[in-house]
Amino acid sequence: MGKGDKRTAKGKRFKSSYGNSRPQGSKAVKKSAAKKAPKKG
């Protein structure tokens, strides 16, 4: 679990990639959270 692990934020930074553990930009995070907020029922 470190630089070589793509599943961690440190690994994503090392590989310069993005994903769930390292979301790209704060705007994208807020939009996705807003879409999931309304629940039916």
Protein backbone atom coordinates (compact mmCIF):
# COMPACT_ATOMS: atom_id res chain seq x y z
CA MET A 1 0.00 0.00 0.00
CA GLY A 2 2.03 2.91 -1.24
CA LYS A 3 3.30 4.40 -4.44
CA GLY A 4 2.75 1.23 -6.46
CA ASP A 5 -0.83 0.73 -5.29
CA LYS A 6 -3.24 2.26 -7.83
CA ARG A 7 -6.16 1.97 -5.37
CA THR A 8 -4.77 4.62 -3.00
CA ALA A 9 -4.55 8.37 -3.48
CA LYS A 10 -0.76 8.22 -3.20
CA GLY A 11 -0.62 5.57 -5.92
CA LYS A 12 -2.89 7.64 -8.15
CA ARG A 13 -0.63 10.66 -7.67
CA PHE A 14 2.43 8.56 -8.51
CA LYS A 15 0.80 7.18 -11.68
CA SER A 16 -0.79 10.60 -12.38
CA SER A 17 -4.25 9.11 -12.80
CA TYR A 18 -7.65 9.82 -11.30
CA GLY A 19 -10.44 7.72 -9.83
CA ASN A 20 -12.61 7.22 -6.74
CA SER A 21 -9.72 7.55 -4.31
CA ARG A 22 -8.43 10.66 -6.15
CA PRO A 23 -11.29 12.60 -7.73
CA GLN A 24 -10.36 15.14 -10.41
CA GLY A 25 -11.37 18.64 -9.31
CA SER A 26 -13.78 19.76 -6.58
CA LYS A 27 -16.58 20.79 -9.02
CA ALA A 28 -17.04 17.22 -10.30
CA VAL A 29 -17.35 15.92 -6.74
CA LYS A 30 -20.05 18.43 -5.80
CA LYS A 31 -22.10 17.75 -8.95
CA SER A 32 -22.05 13.97 -8.47
CA ALA A 33 -23.00 14.32 -4.79
CA ALA A 34 -25.89 16.64 -5.68
CA LYS A 35 -27.30 14.16 -8.20
CA LYS A 36 -27.27 11.32 -5.66
CA ALA A 37 -28.87 13.38 -2.86
CA PRO A 38 -32.61 13.21 -3.80
CA LYS A 39 -34.04 9.87 -2.72
CA LYS A 40 -37.37 8.38 -3.77
CA GLY A 41 -39.54 6.98 -1.04
